[in-house]
Amino acid sequence: MIPLSHGVGPPDNREPITDNSVARRARAAFTLIEMIVVMLIIATLAALLMTGASGAFERARKTQAKNDVTQLVTAINAFYTEYGKYPLVSTITTDAFYGTLPPGGTLPAGCANAGTNDVLLDVLRNNTAGSNAATVTTLNPRQIVFISPGGAKKTTPPRGGIVVVAGDPFLGQYFDPWGSPYAIEIDGGYDNLVSNPYSDNDGSAGASPSLIQGAIAYSYGKNGKLGGGAAASSAFAAEGGSAGVFKGSSDILSW
């Protein structure tokens, strides 16, 4: 064994600190500019994702509303086939409007106000447990269920179904996915004509001033008002188009 010289320690294998090693470590870390660029990319991707999701939700709402208004009209016509008349009380001899008019709204021409749409829906659902029980028993004596929508979401306002919460002021009303009760017109004059609620004169909303229909149903869309334009309240969103005009709006029609 060769003795170690006095004062000589074990070899030092550590990499000496040089300008090159410092430079390598500096290159391995993100610079401030690189971090900002990465953050901007992430923010852009998040915005694109949110926009895409919002568009998908809106398309889903439109699909649901179209299905709802179609089923409403189908149920009303099925009632007519069963009973030989529409689900209207005997005091209504003109076209009937069921629904809730938005702020500033007016009844379609020639229509009588038949009440909120729960009056009609209770008859079509054969709901004898509510305040419209007597009307239901009179108009639907065979106790047939013509339509059975799901329950509305417990939001303010309710959305996407029938309000079933006891004590709710909107109990029994049928709401669209944006939070407005569906509007319904029925041919109480039995001339196979109902008033077209829209003022379009280019055919966008069908024949004007009257539609050759026994019943129609429609949704006020995301602004909560007939046609496009400003929102009915803070619960809704403004949209393109003009008030009372279907073209350019998000309204959904059964016809």
Protein backbone atom coordinates (compact mmCIF):
# COMPACT_ATOMS: atom_id res chain seq x y z
CA MET A 1 0.00 0.00 0.00
CA ILE A 2 1.31 3.35 -0.95
CA PRO A 3 0.78 5.80 1.87
CA LEU A 4 -1.06 8.98 1.12
CA SER A 5 0.97 12.08 1.33
CA HIS A 6 0.20 14.29 4.26
CA GLY A 7 -2.50 16.89 3.45
CA VAL A 8 -3.72 15.17 0.27
CA GLY A 9 -7.49 14.36 0.36
CA PRO A 10 -9.68 12.19 -1.89
CA PRO A 11 -10.17 13.33 -5.47
CA ASP A 12 -12.88 15.96 -6.11
CA ASN A 13 -15.13 14.76 -8.95
CA ARG A 14 -17.50 17.73 -8.83
CA GLU A 15 -17.86 19.67 -12.07
CA PRO A 16 -15.97 22.90 -11.79
CA ILE A 17 -18.08 26.01 -11.99
CA THR A 18 -17.43 27.57 -15.35
CA ASP A 19 -19.13 30.12 -17.51
CA ASN A 20 -20.40 27.27 -19.78
CA SER A 21 -22.25 25.40 -16.96
CA VAL A 22 -23.92 28.59 -15.77
CA ALA A 23 -25.04 29.26 -19.31
CA ARG A 24 -26.50 25.73 -19.63
CA ARG A 25 -28.57 26.20 -16.48
CA ALA A 26 -29.80 29.59 -17.68
CA ARG A 27 -30.90 28.07 -20.98
CA ALA A 28 -32.81 25.29 -19.13
CA ALA A 29 -35.06 27.79 -17.29
CA PHE A 30 -38.00 29.77 -18.79
CA THR A 31 -37.36 33.41 -19.48
CA LEU A 32 -40.05 35.93 -18.53
CA ILE A 33 -40.98 36.41 -22.18
CA GLU A 34 -41.33 32.66 -22.71
CA MET A 35 -43.61 32.40 -19.66
CA ILE A 36 -45.78 35.24 -20.95
CA VAL A 37 -46.07 33.56 -24.36
CA VAL A 38 -47.10 30.26 -22.73
CA MET A 39 -49.70 32.03 -20.59
CA LEU A 40 -51.12 33.79 -23.64
CA ILE A 41 -51.39 30.49 -25.50
CA ILE A 42 -53.20 28.88 -22.55
CA ALA A 43 -55.58 31.85 -22.27
CA THR A 44 -56.35 31.70 -26.00
CA LEU A 45 -57.05 27.96 -25.88
CA ALA A 46 -59.29 28.44 -22.83
CA ALA A 47 -61.24 31.20 -24.61
CA LEU A 48 -61.71 29.00 -27.68
CA LEU A 49 -62.87 26.14 -25.47
CA MET A 50 -65.38 28.35 -23.64
CA THR A 51 -66.71 29.75 -26.93
CA GLY A 52 -67.15 26.25 -28.31
CA ALA A 53 -68.88 25.05 -25.15
CA SER A 54 -71.20 28.07 -25.14
CA GLY A 55 -72.16 27.39 -28.75
CA ALA A 56 -72.82 23.73 -27.98
CA PHE A 57 -75.06 24.65 -25.03
CA GLU A 58 -77.03 27.10 -27.19
CA ARG A 59 -77.55 24.48 -29.90
CA ALA A 60 -78.74 22.02 -27.27
CA ARG A 61 -81.25 24.59 -25.95
CA LYS A 62 -82.59 25.20 -29.45
CA THR A 63 -82.96 21.47 -30.06
CA GLN A 64 -84.82 21.00 -26.78
CA ALA A 65 -87.13 23.97 -27.48
CA LYS A 66 -87.93 22.69 -30.98
CA ASN A 67 -88.81 19.28 -29.57
CA ASP A 68 -90.96 20.87 -26.87
CA VAL A 69 -93.04 23.10 -29.16
CA THR A 70 -93.49 20.24 -31.63
CA GLN A 71 -94.73 17.93 -28.88
CA LEU A 72 -97.08 20.61 -27.57
CA VAL A 73 -98.78 20.97 -30.94
CA THR A 74 -98.87 17.20 -31.39
CA ALA A 75 -100.58 16.84 -28.00
CA ILE A 76 -103.16 19.53 -28.82
CA ASN A 77 -103.97 17.89 -32.15
CA ALA A 78 -104.18 14.48 -30.47
CA PHE A 79 -106.70 15.98 -28.03
CA TYR A 80 -108.72 17.26 -31.00
CA THR A 81 -108.65 13.81 -32.60
CA GLU A 82 -109.84 12.22 -29.35
CA TYR A 83 -112.60 14.68 -28.42
CA GLY A 84 -113.48 16.42 -31.68
CA LYS A 85 -112.62 19.81 -30.19
CA TYR A 86 -109.67 21.71 -28.79
CA PRO A 87 -108.90 21.86 -25.04
CA LEU A 88 -110.66 25.21 -24.56
CA VAL A 89 -113.33 26.21 -22.09
CA SER A 90 -116.74 26.98 -23.60
CA THR A 91 -116.44 30.72 -22.93
CA ILE A 92 -113.61 31.04 -25.47
CA THR A 93 -115.01 31.39 -28.97
CA THR A 94 -112.08 33.16 -30.62
CA ASP A 95 -108.46 32.10 -30.97
CA ALA A 96 -106.90 31.53 -27.55
CA PHE A 97 -103.46 32.57 -26.30
CA TYR A 98 -101.82 30.67 -23.43
CA GLY A 99 -98.63 32.02 -21.93
CA THR A 100 -97.08 35.05 -20.28
CA LEU A 101 -96.49 38.20 -22.29
CA PRO A 102 -93.00 39.68 -21.87
CA PRO A 103 -92.66 43.35 -20.83
CA GLY A 104 -94.24 45.52 -23.50
CA GLY A 105 -95.72 42.52 -25.30
CA THR A 106 -99.22 42.44 -26.73
CA LEU A 107 -101.62 39.61 -27.50
CA PRO A 108 -101.47 38.29 -31.08
CA ALA A 109 -104.23 39.81 -33.22
CA GLY A 110 -107.64 38.22 -32.72
CA CYS A 111 -106.57 36.20 -29.68
CA ALA A 112 -108.23 36.10 -26.28
CA ASN A 113 -106.05 35.68 -23.21
CA ALA A 114 -106.81 32.16 -21.97
CA GLY A 115 -104.37 32.35 -19.06
CA THR A 116 -100.89 31.11 -18.22
CA ASN A 117 -99.92 27.91 -19.98
CA ASP A 118 -100.42 25.75 -16.87
CA VAL A 119 -104.19 25.94 -17.56
CA LEU A 120 -103.66 24.15 -20.86
CA LEU A 121 -100.85 21.88 -19.67
CA ASP A 122 -102.89 20.59 -16.74
CA VAL A 123 -105.58 19.46 -19.19
CA LEU A 124 -103.07 17.83 -21.53
CA ARG A 125 -101.25 16.16 -18.60
CA ASN A 126 -104.51 15.16 -16.88
CA ASN A 127 -103.26 16.88 -13.73
CA THR A 128 -106.22 16.85 -11.36
CA ALA A 129 -104.15 17.72 -8.29
CA GLY A 130 -103.82 21.46 -8.90
CA SER A 131 -105.97 24.56 -9.01
CA ASN A 132 -107.22 23.71 -12.51
CA ALA A 133 -108.70 20.35 -11.44
CA ALA A 134 -112.30 21.26 -12.31
CA THR A 135 -111.31 22.40 -15.80
CA VAL A 136 -109.25 19.24 -16.32
CA THR A 137 -112.17 16.99 -15.30
CA THR A 138 -114.57 18.85 -17.60
CA LEU A 139 -112.35 18.99 -20.68
CA ASN A 140 -110.54 15.65 -20.33
CA PRO A 141 -113.14 13.27 -18.83
CA ARG A 142 -111.36 10.18 -20.19
CA GLN A 143 -108.29 11.16 -18.15
CA ILE A 144 -105.88 10.78 -21.07
CA VAL A 145 -102.28 11.93 -20.71
CA PHE A 146 -101.40 13.61 -24.01
CA ILE A 147 -98.03 15.02 -22.94
CA SER A 148 -95.69 14.47 -20.01
CA PRO A 149 -92.77 16.93 -19.94
CA GLY A 150 -89.96 16.65 -17.41
CA GLY A 151 -89.53 18.96 -14.44
CA ALA A 152 -87.97 22.41 -14.83
CA LYS A 153 -84.57 23.28 -13.42
CA LYS A 154 -84.83 25.02 -10.05
CA THR A 155 -83.36 28.31 -11.21
CA THR A 156 -84.65 31.88 -11.28
CA PRO A 157 -86.54 31.90 -13.57
CA PRO A 158 -87.20 28.15 -13.96
CA ARG A 159 -85.87 26.59 -17.17
CA GLY A 160 -86.52 23.63 -19.41
CA GLY A 161 -89.68 21.91 -18.19
CA ILE A 162 -92.76 21.95 -15.98
CA VAL A 163 -92.48 23.68 -12.59
CA VAL A 164 -93.34 21.03 -10.02
CA VAL A 165 -92.16 22.64 -6.76
CA ALA A 166 -95.10 23.07 -4.39
CA GLY A 167 -95.68 26.70 -3.48
CA ASP A 168 -93.75 28.02 -6.47
CA PRO A 169 -95.66 30.94 -8.08
CA PHE A 170 -95.04 29.34 -11.49
CA LEU A 171 -96.34 25.91 -10.46
CA GLY A 172 -97.51 23.90 -13.46
CA GLN A 173 -96.19 26.30 -16.09
CA TYR A 174 -94.07 24.96 -18.94
CA PHE A 175 -90.80 26.89 -19.39
CA ASP A 176 -88.39 26.93 -22.30
CA PRO A 177 -84.62 26.37 -21.80
CA TRP A 178 -83.98 30.13 -21.48
CA GLY A 179 -86.57 30.80 -18.78
CA SER A 180 -89.77 31.95 -20.55
CA PRO A 181 -93.10 30.12 -20.44
CA TYR A 182 -93.93 28.70 -23.86
CA ALA A 183 -96.48 30.72 -25.84
CA ILE A 184 -99.34 28.76 -27.43
CA GLU A 185 -102.18 29.76 -29.76
CA ILE A 186 -105.20 27.57 -30.47
CA ASP A 187 -107.84 27.99 -33.17
CA GLY A 188 -110.88 28.70 -31.00
CA GLY A 189 -112.80 30.00 -34.01
CA TYR A 190 -112.42 26.64 -35.77
CA ASP A 191 -111.56 28.15 -39.13
CA ASN A 192 -108.14 26.46 -39.29
CA LEU A 193 -106.41 29.82 -38.98
CA VAL A 194 -104.40 31.37 -36.16
CA SER A 195 -102.72 34.73 -36.04
CA ASN A 196 -99.02 34.90 -36.92
CA PRO A 197 -97.43 36.72 -33.96
CA TYR A 198 -94.47 37.96 -36.05
CA SER A 199 -94.37 40.96 -38.36
CA ASP A 200 -92.04 39.44 -41.00
CA ASN A 201 -93.43 40.02 -44.47
CA ASP A 202 -90.87 37.91 -46.37
CA GLY A 203 -92.15 34.52 -45.28
CA SER A 204 -89.44 33.98 -42.67
CA ALA A 205 -92.07 33.25 -40.02
CA GLY A 206 -94.63 31.71 -42.38
CA ALA A 207 -97.74 33.18 -43.90
CA SER A 208 -98.89 36.57 -42.65
CA PRO A 209 -101.14 37.71 -41.08
CA SER A 210 -102.57 34.23 -40.42
CA LEU A 211 -101.15 30.72 -40.40
CA ILE A 212 -103.14 27.76 -41.71
CA GLN A 213 -102.83 25.87 -38.44
CA GLY A 214 -105.11 24.62 -35.70
CA ALA A 215 -102.48 25.25 -33.02
CA ILE A 216 -98.99 26.74 -32.79
CA ALA A 217 -96.41 27.01 -30.03
CA TYR A 218 -93.26 29.08 -29.82
CA SER A 219 -90.37 30.07 -27.58
CA TYR A 220 -89.16 33.64 -27.11
CA GLY A 221 -85.53 32.48 -27.27
CA LYS A 222 -82.56 33.78 -25.35
CA ASN A 223 -83.72 37.42 -25.07
CA GLY A 224 -87.08 36.45 -23.54
CA LYS A 225 -89.07 38.61 -25.99
CA LEU A 226 -90.90 38.13 -29.28
CA GLY A 227 -88.28 38.47 -32.02
CA GLY A 228 -84.75 39.77 -31.54
CA GLY A 229 -83.19 42.82 -29.95
CA ALA A 230 -82.84 43.84 -26.31
CA ALA A 231 -83.25 41.42 -23.43
CA ALA A 232 -86.54 41.29 -21.54
CA SER A 233 -84.68 41.46 -18.22
CA SER A 234 -81.31 40.74 -16.63
CA ALA A 235 -82.20 37.04 -16.63
CA PHE A 236 -81.92 37.00 -20.44
CA ALA A 237 -79.39 38.10 -23.07
CA ALA A 238 -79.68 40.61 -25.90
CA GLU A 239 -79.43 39.24 -29.42
CA GLY A 240 -79.42 40.26 -33.06
CA GLY A 241 -82.49 41.09 -35.08
CA SER A 242 -85.39 43.38 -34.27
CA ALA A 243 -88.28 43.27 -31.82
CA GLY A 244 -91.32 41.44 -33.16
CA VAL A 245 -89.36 40.09 -36.15
CA PHE A 246 -88.50 36.40 -36.34
CA LYS A 247 -85.69 36.66 -38.88
CA GLY A 248 -82.33 37.02 -37.10
CA SER A 249 -83.76 36.10 -33.69
CA SER A 250 -83.27 32.95 -31.60
CA ASP A 251 -87.02 32.26 -31.28
CA ILE A 252 -88.13 28.69 -31.87
CA LEU A 253 -91.35 27.94 -33.78
CA SER A 254 -93.49 24.83 -34.08
CA TRP A 255 -94.48 25.65 -37.67
